Structures are given as C-alpha cells and as structure tokens.
Amino acid sequence: TTEEKPEEKPAEETVPADVLRKELTSANA
C-alpha cells in the first residue's frame, strides 16, 4: 500500500578497477 513504502537500498559502493583486477588475479592464482 502507499503507507508501506519499500526500503530504499543505499547506493552500492564502487570499487576501483585496479583493486578488482588484483582480487581477480589472486583468485585465479
């Protein structure tokens, strides 16, 4: 109903691409 509004999700944090590359490299290794 209009009284029950869904909770808005906070904006997702963005992770820099170089951090993601390092994580992916370590996971692949």
mmCIF file of all heavy atoms, coordinates in Angstrom:
data_MODEL
# 
_entry.id   MODEL 
# 
loop_
_atom_site.group_PDB 
_atom_site.id 
_atom_site.type_symbol 
_atom_site.label_atom_id 
_atom_site.label_alt_id 
_atom_site.label_comp_id 
_atom_site.label_asym_id 
_atom_site.label_entity_id 
_atom_site.label_seq_id 
_atom_site.pdbx_PDB_ins_code 
_atom_site.Cartn_x 
_atom_site.Cartn_y 
_atom_site.Cartn_z 
_atom_site.occupancy 
_atom_site.B_iso_or_equiv 
_atom_site.pdbx_formal_charge 
_atom_site.auth_seq_id 
_atom_site.auth_comp_id 
_atom_site.auth_asym_id 
_atom_site.auth_atom_id 
_atom_site.pdbx_PDB_model_num 
ATOM 1   N N   . THR A 1 1  ? 0.845  -1.184  0.000   1.00 0.00 ? 1  THR A N   1 
ATOM 2   C CA  . THR A 1 1  ? 0.000  0.000   0.000   1.00 0.00 ? 1  THR A CA  1 
ATOM 3   C C   . THR A 1 1  ? 0.875  1.226   0.000   1.00 0.00 ? 1  THR A C   1 
ATOM 4   O O   . THR A 1 1  ? 2.095  1.152   0.192   1.00 0.00 ? 1  THR A O   1 
ATOM 5   C CB  . THR A 1 1  ? -0.917 0.021   1.245   1.00 0.00 ? 1  THR A CB  1 
ATOM 6   O OG1 . THR A 1 1  ? -0.083 0.091   2.399   1.00 0.00 ? 1  THR A OG1 1 
ATOM 7   C CG2 . THR A 1 1  ? -1.813 -1.181  1.288   1.00 0.00 ? 1  THR A CG2 1 
ATOM 8   N N   . THR A 1 2  ? 0.271  2.377   -0.193  1.00 0.00 ? 2  THR A N   1 
ATOM 9   C CA  . THR A 1 2  ? 1.058  3.608   -0.205  1.00 0.00 ? 2  THR A CA  1 
ATOM 10  C C   . THR A 1 2  ? 1.645  3.900   1.162   1.00 0.00 ? 2  THR A C   1 
ATOM 11  O O   . THR A 1 2  ? 2.619  4.613   1.273   1.00 0.00 ? 2  THR A O   1 
ATOM 12  C CB  . THR A 1 2  ? 0.181  4.798   -0.653  1.00 0.00 ? 2  THR A CB  1 
ATOM 13  O OG1 . THR A 1 2  ? -0.962 4.852   0.190   1.00 0.00 ? 2  THR A OG1 1 
ATOM 14  C CG2 . THR A 1 2  ? -0.227 4.653   -2.109  1.00 0.00 ? 2  THR A CG2 1 
ATOM 15  N N   . GLU A 1 3  ? 1.042  3.335   2.202   1.00 0.00 ? 3  GLU A N   1 
ATOM 16  C CA  . GLU A 1 3  ? 1.565  3.545   3.544   1.00 0.00 ? 3  GLU A CA  1 
ATOM 17  C C   . GLU A 1 3  ? 2.842  2.754   3.766   1.00 0.00 ? 3  GLU A C   1 
ATOM 18  O O   . GLU A 1 3  ? 3.710  3.164   4.511   1.00 0.00 ? 3  GLU A O   1 
ATOM 19  C CB  . GLU A 1 3  ? 0.514  3.132   4.574   1.00 0.00 ? 3  GLU A CB  1 
ATOM 20  C CG  . GLU A 1 3  ? -0.751 3.963   4.477   1.00 0.00 ? 3  GLU A CG  1 
ATOM 21  C CD  . GLU A 1 3  ? -1.907 3.292   5.180   1.00 0.00 ? 3  GLU A CD  1 
ATOM 22  O OE1 . GLU A 1 3  ? -1.713 2.209   5.764   1.00 0.00 ? 3  GLU A OE1 1 
ATOM 23  O OE2 . GLU A 1 3  ? -3.013 3.843   5.139   1.00 0.00 ? 3  GLU A OE2 1 
ATOM 24  N N   . GLU A 1 4  ? 2.960  1.609   3.132   1.00 0.00 ? 4  GLU A N   1 
ATOM 25  C CA  . GLU A 1 4  ? 4.127  0.748   3.297   1.00 0.00 ? 4  GLU A CA  1 
ATOM 26  C C   . GLU A 1 4  ? 5.057  0.960   2.121   1.00 0.00 ? 4  GLU A C   1 
ATOM 27  O O   . GLU A 1 4  ? 4.904  0.361   1.073   1.00 0.00 ? 4  GLU A O   1 
ATOM 28  C CB  . GLU A 1 4  ? 3.715  -0.728  3.333   1.00 0.00 ? 4  GLU A CB  1 
ATOM 29  C CG  . GLU A 1 4  ? 2.754  -1.083  4.416   1.00 0.00 ? 4  GLU A CG  1 
ATOM 30  C CD  . GLU A 1 4  ? 2.271  -2.507  4.253   1.00 0.00 ? 4  GLU A CD  1 
ATOM 31  O OE1 . GLU A 1 4  ? 2.907  -3.269  3.507   1.00 0.00 ? 4  GLU A OE1 1 
ATOM 32  O OE2 . GLU A 1 4  ? 1.275  -2.854  4.863   1.00 0.00 ? 4  GLU A OE2 1 
ATOM 33  N N   . LYS A 1 5  ? 6.024  1.812   2.283   1.00 0.00 ? 5  LYS A N   1 
ATOM 34  C CA  . LYS A 1 5  ? 6.973  2.067   1.200   1.00 0.00 ? 5  LYS A CA  1 
ATOM 35  C C   . LYS A 1 5  ? 8.135  1.099   1.333   1.00 0.00 ? 5  LYS A C   1 
ATOM 36  O O   . LYS A 1 5  ? 8.616  0.852   2.430   1.00 0.00 ? 5  LYS A O   1 
ATOM 37  C CB  . LYS A 1 5  ? 7.482  3.503   1.261   1.00 0.00 ? 5  LYS A CB  1 
ATOM 38  C CG  . LYS A 1 5  ? 6.376  4.500   0.980   1.00 0.00 ? 5  LYS A CG  1 
ATOM 39  C CD  . LYS A 1 5  ? 6.906  5.890   0.948   1.00 0.00 ? 5  LYS A CD  1 
ATOM 40  C CE  . LYS A 1 5  ? 5.782  6.866   0.660   1.00 0.00 ? 5  LYS A CE  1 
ATOM 41  N NZ  . LYS A 1 5  ? 6.256  8.236   0.661   1.00 0.00 ? 5  LYS A NZ  1 
ATOM 42  N N   . PRO A 1 6  ? 8.606  0.563   0.210   1.00 0.00 ? 6  PRO A N   1 
ATOM 43  C CA  . PRO A 1 6  ? 9.745  -0.348  0.299   1.00 0.00 ? 6  PRO A CA  1 
ATOM 44  C C   . PRO A 1 6  ? 10.985 0.420   0.740   1.00 0.00 ? 6  PRO A C   1 
ATOM 45  O O   . PRO A 1 6  ? 11.140 1.599   0.429   1.00 0.00 ? 6  PRO A O   1 
ATOM 46  C CB  . PRO A 1 6  ? 9.888  -0.878  -1.127  1.00 0.00 ? 6  PRO A CB  1 
ATOM 47  C CG  . PRO A 1 6  ? 9.244  0.155   -1.987  1.00 0.00 ? 6  PRO A CG  1 
ATOM 48  C CD  . PRO A 1 6  ? 8.158  0.777   -1.155  1.00 0.00 ? 6  PRO A CD  1 
ATOM 49  N N   . GLU A 1 7  ? 11.829 -0.264  1.474   1.00 0.00 ? 7  GLU A N   1 
ATOM 50  C CA  . GLU A 1 7  ? 13.059 0.362   1.932   1.00 0.00 ? 7  GLU A CA  1 
ATOM 51  C C   . GLU A 1 7  ? 13.971 0.584   0.738   1.00 0.00 ? 7  GLU A C   1 
ATOM 52  O O   . GLU A 1 7  ? 14.183 -0.311  -0.075  1.00 0.00 ? 7  GLU A O   1 
ATOM 53  C CB  . GLU A 1 7  ? 13.766 -0.530  2.956   1.00 0.00 ? 7  GLU A CB  1 
ATOM 54  C CG  . GLU A 1 7  ? 12.987 -0.670  4.234   1.00 0.00 ? 7  GLU A CG  1 
ATOM 55  C CD  . GLU A 1 7  ? 13.729 -1.532  5.232   1.00 0.00 ? 7  GLU A CD  1 
ATOM 56  O OE1 . GLU A 1 7  ? 14.952 -1.677  5.092   1.00 0.00 ? 7  GLU A OE1 1 
ATOM 57  O OE2 . GLU A 1 7  ? 13.089 -2.053  6.138   1.00 0.00 ? 7  GLU A OE2 1 
ATOM 58  N N   . GLU A 1 8  ? 14.478 1.787   0.640   1.00 0.00 ? 8  GLU A N   1 
ATOM 59  C CA  . GLU A 1 8  ? 15.375 2.082   -0.457  1.00 0.00 ? 8  GLU A CA  1 
ATOM 60  C C   . GLU A 1 8  ? 16.757 1.562   -0.110  1.00 0.00 ? 8  GLU A C   1 
ATOM 61  O O   . GLU A 1 8  ? 17.251 1.752   0.994   1.00 0.00 ? 8  GLU A O   1 
ATOM 62  C CB  . GLU A 1 8  ? 15.424 3.585   -0.711  1.00 0.00 ? 8  GLU A CB  1 
ATOM 63  C CG  . GLU A 1 8  ? 14.108 4.133   -1.229  1.00 0.00 ? 8  GLU A CG  1 
ATOM 64  C CD  . GLU A 1 8  ? 14.206 5.611   -1.547  1.00 0.00 ? 8  GLU A CD  1 
ATOM 65  O OE1 . GLU A 1 8  ? 15.332 6.128   -1.666  1.00 0.00 ? 8  GLU A OE1 1 
ATOM 66  O OE2 . GLU A 1 8  ? 13.160 6.240   -1.683  1.00 0.00 ? 8  GLU A OE2 1 
ATOM 67  N N   . LYS A 1 9  ? 17.357 0.908   -1.066  1.00 0.00 ? 9  LYS A N   1 
ATOM 68  C CA  . LYS A 1 9  ? 18.696 0.378   -0.856  1.00 0.00 ? 9  LYS A CA  1 
ATOM 69  C C   . LYS A 1 9  ? 19.695 1.502   -1.057  1.00 0.00 ? 9  LYS A C   1 
ATOM 70  O O   . LYS A 1 9  ? 19.547 2.320   -1.968  1.00 0.00 ? 9  LYS A O   1 
ATOM 71  C CB  . LYS A 1 9  ? 18.992 -0.757  -1.839  1.00 0.00 ? 9  LYS A CB  1 
ATOM 72  C CG  . LYS A 1 9  ? 18.125 -1.964  -1.610  1.00 0.00 ? 9  LYS A CG  1 
ATOM 73  C CD  . LYS A 1 9  ? 18.480 -3.052  -2.566  1.00 0.00 ? 9  LYS A CD  1 
ATOM 74  C CE  . LYS A 1 9  ? 17.604 -4.273  -2.355  1.00 0.00 ? 9  LYS A CE  1 
ATOM 75  N NZ  . LYS A 1 9  ? 17.905 -5.328  -3.298  1.00 0.00 ? 9  LYS A NZ  1 
ATOM 76  N N   . PRO A 1 10 ? 20.731 1.565   -0.212  1.00 0.00 ? 10 PRO A N   1 
ATOM 77  C CA  . PRO A 1 10 ? 21.736 2.598   -0.410  1.00 0.00 ? 10 PRO A CA  1 
ATOM 78  C C   . PRO A 1 10 ? 22.499 2.324   -1.697  1.00 0.00 ? 10 PRO A C   1 
ATOM 79  O O   . PRO A 1 10 ? 22.581 1.198   -2.175  1.00 0.00 ? 10 PRO A O   1 
ATOM 80  C CB  . PRO A 1 10 ? 22.647 2.465   0.819   1.00 0.00 ? 10 PRO A CB  1 
ATOM 81  C CG  . PRO A 1 10 ? 22.430 1.078   1.297   1.00 0.00 ? 10 PRO A CG  1 
ATOM 82  C CD  . PRO A 1 10 ? 21.025 0.713   0.911   1.00 0.00 ? 10 PRO A CD  1 
ATOM 83  N N   . ALA A 1 11 ? 23.035 3.365   -2.260  1.00 0.00 ? 11 ALA A N   1 
ATOM 84  C CA  . ALA A 1 11 ? 23.805 3.216   -3.487  1.00 0.00 ? 11 ALA A CA  1 
ATOM 85  C C   . ALA A 1 11 ? 24.983 2.282   -3.224  1.00 0.00 ? 11 ALA A C   1 
ATOM 86  O O   . ALA A 1 11 ? 25.649 2.366   -2.195  1.00 0.00 ? 11 ALA A O   1 
ATOM 87  C CB  . ALA A 1 11 ? 24.316 4.581   -3.945  1.00 0.00 ? 11 ALA A CB  1 
ATOM 88  N N   . GLU A 1 12 ? 25.198 1.379   -4.154  1.00 0.00 ? 12 GLU A N   1 
ATOM 89  C CA  . GLU A 1 12 ? 26.284 0.419   -3.979  1.00 0.00 ? 12 GLU A CA  1 
ATOM 90  C C   . GLU A 1 12 ? 27.620 1.140   -4.069  1.00 0.00 ? 12 GLU A C   1 
ATOM 91  O O   . GLU A 1 12 ? 27.787 2.068   -4.858  1.00 0.00 ? 12 GLU A O   1 
ATOM 92  C CB  . GLU A 1 12 ? 26.200 -0.664  -5.056  1.00 0.00 ? 12 GLU A CB  1 
ATOM 93  C CG  . GLU A 1 12 ? 25.001 -1.552  -4.902  1.00 0.00 ? 12 GLU A CG  1 
ATOM 94  C CD  . GLU A 1 12 ? 25.008 -2.675  -5.927  1.00 0.00 ? 12 GLU A CD  1 
ATOM 95  O OE1 . GLU A 1 12 ? 26.083 -3.003  -6.442  1.00 0.00 ? 12 GLU A OE1 1 
ATOM 96  O OE2 . GLU A 1 12 ? 23.927 -3.198  -6.183  1.00 0.00 ? 12 GLU A OE2 1 
ATOM 97  N N   . GLU A 1 13 ? 28.543 0.685   -3.253  1.00 0.00 ? 13 GLU A N   1 
ATOM 98  C CA  . GLU A 1 13 ? 29.863 1.285   -3.271  1.00 0.00 ? 13 GLU A CA  1 
ATOM 99  C C   . GLU A 1 13 ? 30.584 0.839   -4.528  1.00 0.00 ? 13 GLU A C   1 
ATOM 100 O O   . GLU A 1 13 ? 30.498 -0.315  -4.935  1.00 0.00 ? 13 GLU A O   1 
ATOM 101 C CB  . GLU A 1 13 ? 30.659 0.854   -2.041  1.00 0.00 ? 13 GLU A CB  1 
ATOM 102 C CG  . GLU A 1 13 ? 30.066 1.353   -0.756  1.00 0.00 ? 13 GLU A CG  1 
ATOM 103 C CD  . GLU A 1 13 ? 30.880 0.918   0.439   1.00 0.00 ? 13 GLU A CD  1 
ATOM 104 O OE1 . GLU A 1 13 ? 32.054 0.544   0.273   1.00 0.00 ? 13 GLU A OE1 1 
ATOM 105 O OE2 . GLU A 1 13 ? 30.341 0.963   1.549   1.00 0.00 ? 13 GLU A OE2 1 
ATOM 106 N N   . THR A 1 14 ? 31.283 1.742   -5.132  1.00 0.00 ? 14 THR A N   1 
ATOM 107 C CA  . THR A 1 14 ? 32.039 1.381   -6.321  1.00 0.00 ? 14 THR A CA  1 
ATOM 108 C C   . THR A 1 14 ? 33.456 1.055   -5.910  1.00 0.00 ? 14 THR A C   1 
ATOM 109 O O   . THR A 1 14 ? 34.042 1.720   -5.061  1.00 0.00 ? 14 THR A O   1 
ATOM 110 C CB  . THR A 1 14 ? 32.045 2.539   -7.335  1.00 0.00 ? 14 THR A CB  1 
ATOM 111 O OG1 . THR A 1 14 ? 32.576 3.705   -6.695  1.00 0.00 ? 14 THR A OG1 1 
ATOM 112 C CG2 . THR A 1 14 ? 30.640 2.840   -7.831  1.00 0.00 ? 14 THR A CG2 1 
ATOM 113 N N   . VAL A 1 15 ? 33.973 0.007   -6.498  1.00 0.00 ? 15 VAL A N   1 
ATOM 114 C CA  . VAL A 1 15 ? 35.321 -0.440  -6.192  1.00 0.00 ? 15 VAL A CA  1 
ATOM 115 C C   . VAL A 1 15 ? 36.192 -0.110  -7.406  1.00 0.00 ? 15 VAL A C   1 
ATOM 116 O O   . VAL A 1 15 ? 35.800 -0.385  -8.539  1.00 0.00 ? 15 VAL A O   1 
ATOM 117 C CB  . VAL A 1 15 ? 35.339 -1.964  -5.914  1.00 0.00 ? 15 VAL A CB  1 
ATOM 118 C CG1 . VAL A 1 15 ? 36.734 -2.433  -5.596  1.00 0.00 ? 15 VAL A CG1 1 
ATOM 119 C CG2 . VAL A 1 15 ? 34.385 -2.289  -4.783  1.00 0.00 ? 15 VAL A CG2 1 
ATOM 120 N N   . PRO A 1 16 ? 37.355 0.483   -7.173  1.00 0.00 ? 16 PRO A N   1 
ATOM 121 C CA  . PRO A 1 16 ? 38.218 0.817   -8.297  1.00 0.00 ? 16 PRO A CA  1 
ATOM 122 C C   . PRO A 1 16 ? 38.595 -0.425  -9.106  1.00 0.00 ? 16 PRO A C   1 
ATOM 123 O O   . PRO A 1 16 ? 38.725 -1.525  -8.572  1.00 0.00 ? 16 PRO A O   1 
ATOM 124 C CB  . PRO A 1 16 ? 39.459 1.434   -7.634  1.00 0.00 ? 16 PRO A CB  1 
ATOM 125 C CG  . PRO A 1 16 ? 39.014 1.830   -6.271  1.00 0.00 ? 16 PRO A CG  1 
ATOM 126 C CD  . PRO A 1 16 ? 37.898 0.916   -5.897  1.00 0.00 ? 16 PRO A CD  1 
ATOM 127 N N   . ALA A 1 17 ? 38.782 -0.214  -10.398 1.00 0.00 ? 17 ALA A N   1 
ATOM 128 C CA  . ALA A 1 17 ? 39.069 -1.323  -11.310 1.00 0.00 ? 17 ALA A CA  1 
ATOM 129 C C   . ALA A 1 17 ? 40.387 -2.016  -10.959 1.00 0.00 ? 17 ALA A C   1 
ATOM 130 O O   . ALA A 1 17 ? 40.491 -3.248  -11.067 1.00 0.00 ? 17 ALA A O   1 
ATOM 131 C CB  . ALA A 1 17 ? 39.108 -0.822  -12.746 1.00 0.00 ? 17 ALA A CB  1 
ATOM 132 N N   . ASP A 1 18 ? 41.403 -1.259  -10.534 1.00 0.00 ? 18 ASP A N   1 
ATOM 133 C CA  . ASP A 1 18 ? 42.690 -1.887  -10.229 1.00 0.00 ? 18 ASP A CA  1 
ATOM 134 C C   . ASP A 1 18 ? 42.582 -2.821  -9.026  1.00 0.00 ? 18 ASP A C   1 
ATOM 135 O O   . ASP A 1 18 ? 43.228 -3.872  -8.987  1.00 0.00 ? 18 ASP A O   1 
ATOM 136 C CB  . ASP A 1 18 ? 43.785 -0.843  -10.009 1.00 0.00 ? 18 ASP A CB  1 
ATOM 137 C CG  . ASP A 1 18 ? 43.463 0.135   -8.890  1.00 0.00 ? 18 ASP A CG  1 
ATOM 138 O OD1 . ASP A 1 18 ? 42.265 0.330   -8.613  1.00 0.00 ? 18 ASP A OD1 1 
ATOM 139 O OD2 . ASP A 1 18 ? 44.411 0.693   -8.303  1.00 0.00 ? 18 ASP A OD2 1 
ATOM 140 N N   . VAL A 1 19 ? 41.741 -2.489  -8.062  1.00 0.00 ? 19 VAL A N   1 
ATOM 141 C CA  . VAL A 1 19 ? 41.537 -3.369  -6.904  1.00 0.00 ? 19 VAL A CA  1 
ATOM 142 C C   . VAL A 1 19 ? 40.857 -4.656  -7.351  1.00 0.00 ? 19 VAL A C   1 
ATOM 143 O O   . VAL A 1 19 ? 41.230 -5.762  -6.923  1.00 0.00 ? 19 VAL A O   1 
ATOM 144 C CB  . VAL A 1 19 ? 40.707 -2.647  -5.818  1.00 0.00 ? 19 VAL A CB  1 
ATOM 145 C CG1 . VAL A 1 19 ? 40.332 -3.590  -4.705  1.00 0.00 ? 19 VAL A CG1 1 
ATOM 146 C CG2 . VAL A 1 19 ? 41.459 -1.452  -5.279  1.00 0.00 ? 19 VAL A CG2 1 
ATOM 147 N N   . LEU A 1 20 ? 39.857 -4.514  -8.217  1.00 0.00 ? 20 LEU A N   1 
ATOM 148 C CA  . LEU A 1 20 ? 39.163 -5.698  -8.725  1.00 0.00 ? 20 LEU A CA  1 
ATOM 149 C C   . LEU A 1 20 ? 40.097 -6.584  -9.537  1.00 0.00 ? 20 LEU A C   1 
ATOM 150 O O   . LEU A 1 20 ? 40.033 -7.811  -9.454  1.00 0.00 ? 20 LEU A O   1 
ATOM 151 C CB  . LEU A 1 20 ? 37.963 -5.284  -9.570  1.00 0.00 ? 20 LEU A CB  1 
ATOM 152 C CG  . LEU A 1 20 ? 36.824 -4.614  -8.818  1.00 0.00 ? 20 LEU A CG  1 
ATOM 153 C CD1 . LEU A 1 20 ? 35.757 -4.137  -9.786  1.00 0.00 ? 20 LEU A CD1 1 
ATOM 154 C CD2 . LEU A 1 20 ? 36.228 -5.550  -7.802  1.00 0.00 ? 20 LEU A CD2 1 
ATOM 155 N N   . ARG A 1 21 ? 40.982 -5.972  -10.319 1.00 0.00 ? 21 ARG A N   1 
ATOM 156 C CA  . ARG A 1 21 ? 41.950 -6.759  -11.105 1.00 0.00 ? 21 ARG A CA  1 
ATOM 157 C C   . ARG A 1 21 ? 42.876 -7.548  -10.190 1.00 0.00 ? 21 ARG A C   1 
ATOM 158 O O   . ARG A 1 21 ? 43.178 -8.713  -10.450 1.00 0.00 ? 21 ARG A O   1 
ATOM 159 C CB  . ARG A 1 21 ? 42.771 -5.843  -12.010 1.00 0.00 ? 21 ARG A CB  1 
ATOM 160 C CG  . ARG A 1 21 ? 42.050 -5.426  -13.257 1.00 0.00 ? 21 ARG A CG  1 
ATOM 161 C CD  . ARG A 1 21 ? 42.972 -4.703  -14.233 1.00 0.00 ? 21 ARG A CD  1 
ATOM 162 N NE  . ARG A 1 21 ? 42.178 -3.960  -15.155 1.00 0.00 ? 21 ARG A NE  1 
ATOM 163 C CZ  . ARG A 1 21 ? 41.974 -2.635  -15.109 1.00 0.00 ? 21 ARG A CZ  1 
ATOM 164 N NH1 . ARG A 1 21 ? 42.547 -1.915  -14.172 1.00 0.00 ? 21 ARG A NH1 1 
ATOM 165 N NH2 . ARG A 1 21 ? 41.203 -2.043  -15.984 1.00 0.00 ? 21 ARG A NH2 1 
ATOM 166 N N   . LYS A 1 22 ? 43.349 -6.904  -9.119  1.00 0.00 ? 22 LYS A N   1 
ATOM 167 C CA  . LYS A 1 22 ? 44.236 -7.594  -8.176  1.00 0.00 ? 22 LYS A CA  1 
ATOM 168 C C   . LYS A 1 22 ? 43.527 -8.766  -7.522  1.00 0.00 ? 22 LYS A C   1 
ATOM 169 O O   . LYS A 1 22 ? 44.095 -9.850  -7.367  1.00 0.00 ? 22 LYS A O   1 
ATOM 170 C CB  . LYS A 1 22 ? 44.739 -6.618  -7.108  1.00 0.00 ? 22 LYS A CB  1 
ATOM 171 C CG  . LYS A 1 22 ? 45.747 -5.628  -7.618  1.00 0.00 ? 22 LYS A CG  1 
ATOM 172 C CD  . LYS A 1 22 ? 46.173 -4.670  -6.518  1.00 0.00 ? 22 LYS A CD  1 
ATOM 173 C CE  . LYS A 1 22 ? 47.113 -3.611  -7.043  1.00 0.00 ? 22 LYS A CE  1 
ATOM 174 N NZ  . LYS A 1 22 ? 47.474 -2.640  -6.011  1.00 0.00 ? 22 LYS A NZ  1 
ATOM 175 N N   . GLU A 1 23 ? 42.269 -8.544  -7.115  1.00 0.00 ? 23 GLU A N   1 
ATOM 176 C CA  . GLU A 1 23 ? 41.486 -9.610  -6.490  1.00 0.00 ? 23 GLU A CA  1 
ATOM 177 C C   . GLU A 1 23 ? 41.280 -10.768 -7.463  1.00 0.00 ? 23 GLU A C   1 
ATOM 178 O O   . GLU A 1 23 ? 41.404 -11.933 -7.090  1.00 0.00 ? 23 GLU A O   1 
ATOM 179 C CB  . GLU A 1 23 ? 40.131 -9.083  -6.014  1.00 0.00 ? 23 GLU A CB  1 
ATOM 180 C CG  . GLU A 1 23 ? 40.210 -8.152  -4.831  1.00 0.00 ? 23 GLU A CG  1 
ATOM 181 C CD  . GLU A 1 23 ? 40.623 -8.881  -3.573  1.00 0.00 ? 23 GLU A CD  1 
ATOM 182 O OE1 . GLU A 1 23 ? 40.206 -10.026 -3.357  1.00 0.00 ? 23 GLU A OE1 1 
ATOM 183 O OE2 . GLU A 1 23 ? 41.378 -8.282  -2.782  1.00 0.00 ? 23 GLU A OE2 1 
ATOM 184 N N   . LEU A 1 24 ? 40.970 -10.446 -8.715  1.00 0.00 ? 24 LEU A N   1 
ATOM 185 C CA  . LEU A 1 24 ? 40.752 -11.476 -9.717  1.00 0.00 ? 24 LEU A CA  1 
ATOM 186 C C   . LEU A 1 24 ? 42.038 -12.247 -9.984  1.00 0.00 ? 24 LEU A C   1 
ATOM 187 O O   . LEU A 1 24 ? 42.028 -13.478 -10.092 1.00 0.00 ? 24 LEU A O   1 
ATOM 188 C CB  . LEU A 1 24 ? 40.220 -10.859 -11.015 1.00 0.00 ? 24 LEU A CB  1 
ATOM 189 C CG  . LEU A 1 24 ? 39.935 -11.825 -12.153 1.00 0.00 ? 24 LEU A CG  1 
ATOM 190 C CD1 . LEU A 1 24 ? 38.863 -12.818 -11.741 1.00 0.00 ? 24 LEU A CD1 1 
ATOM 191 C CD2 . LEU A 1 24 ? 39.517 -11.070 -13.395 1.00 0.00 ? 24 LEU A CD2 1 
ATOM 192 N N   . THR A 1 25 ? 43.150 -11.551 -10.055 1.00 0.00 ? 25 THR A N   1 
ATOM 193 C CA  . THR A 1 25 ? 44.436 -12.203 -10.288 1.00 0.00 ? 25 THR A CA  1 
ATOM 194 C C   . THR A 1 25 ? 44.781 -13.145 -9.141  1.00 0.00 ? 25 THR A C   1 
ATOM 195 O O   . THR A 1 25 ? 45.220 -14.275 -9.365  1.00 0.00 ? 25 THR A O   1 
ATOM 196 C CB  . THR A 1 25 ? 45.549 -11.143 -10.452 1.00 0.00 ? 25 THR A CB  1 
ATOM 197 O OG1 . THR A 1 25 ? 45.183 -10.267 -11.515 1.00 0.00 ? 25 THR A OG1 1 
ATOM 198 C CG2 . THR A 1 25 ? 46.889 -11.778 -10.760 1.00 0.00 ? 25 THR A CG2 1 
ATOM 199 N N   . SER A 1 26 ? 44.566 -12.685 -7.917  1.00 0.00 ? 26 SER A N   1 
ATOM 200 C CA  . SER A 1 26 ? 44.888 -13.550 -6.779  1.00 0.00 ? 26 SER A CA  1 
ATOM 201 C C   . SER A 1 26 ? 43.944 -14.750 -6.720  1.00 0.00 ? 26 SER A C   1 
ATOM 202 O O   . SER A 1 26 ? 44.372 -15.858 -6.398  1.00 0.00 ? 26 SER A O   1 
ATOM 203 C CB  . SER A 1 26 ? 44.840 -12.768 -5.471  1.00 0.00 ? 26 SER A CB  1 
ATOM 204 O OG  . SER A 1 26 ? 43.518 -12.370 -5.185  1.00 0.00 ? 26 SER A OG  1 
ATOM 205 N N   . ALA A 1 27 ? 42.673 -14.556 -7.062  1.00 0.00 ? 27 ALA A N   1 
ATOM 206 C CA  . ALA A 1 27 ? 41.728 -15.678 -7.067  1.00 0.00 ? 27 ALA A CA  1 
ATOM 207 C C   . ALA A 1 27 ? 42.091 -16.684 -8.154  1.00 0.00 ? 27 ALA A C   1 
ATOM 208 O O   . ALA A 1 27 ? 42.018 -17.902 -7.934  1.00 0.00 ? 27 ALA A O   1 
ATOM 209 C CB  . ALA A 1 27 ? 40.301 -15.169 -7.281  1.00 0.00 ? 27 ALA A CB  1 
ATOM 210 N N   . ASN A 1 28 ? 42.493 -16.191 -9.317  1.00 0.00 ? 28 ASN A N   1 
ATOM 211 C CA  . ASN A 1 28 ? 42.907 -17.095 -10.395 1.00 0.00 ? 28 ASN A CA  1 
ATOM 212 C C   . ASN A 1 28 ? 44.165 -17.874 -10.014 1.00 0.00 ? 28 ASN A C   1 
ATOM 213 O O   . ASN A 1 28 ? 44.282 -19.062 -10.309 1.00 0.00 ? 28 ASN A O   1 
ATOM 214 C CB  . ASN A 1 28 ? 43.147 -16.318 -11.687 1.00 0.00 ? 28 ASN A CB  1 
ATOM 215 C CG  . ASN A 1 28 ? 41.859 -15.882 -12.343 1.00 0.00 ? 28 ASN A CG  1 
ATOM 216 O OD1 . ASN A 1 28 ? 40.799 -16.423 -12.073 1.00 0.00 ? 28 ASN A OD1 1 
ATOM 217 N ND2 . ASN A 1 28 ? 41.944 -14.878 -13.207 1.00 0.00 ? 28 ASN A ND2 1 
ATOM 218 N N   . ALA A 1 29 ? 45.114 -17.210 -9.355  1.00 0.00 ? 29 ALA A N   1 
ATOM 219 C CA  . ALA A 1 29 ? 46.335 -17.886 -8.934  1.00 0.00 ? 29 ALA A CA  1 
ATOM 220 C C   . ALA A 1 29 ? 46.021 -18.959 -7.893  1.00 0.00 ? 29 ALA A C   1 
ATOM 221 O O   . ALA A 1 29 ? 46.575 -20.069 -7.935  1.00 0.00 ? 29 ALA A O   1 
ATOM 222 C CB  . ALA A 1 29 ? 47.330 -16.868 -8.368  1.00 0.00 ? 29 ALA A CB  1 
# 
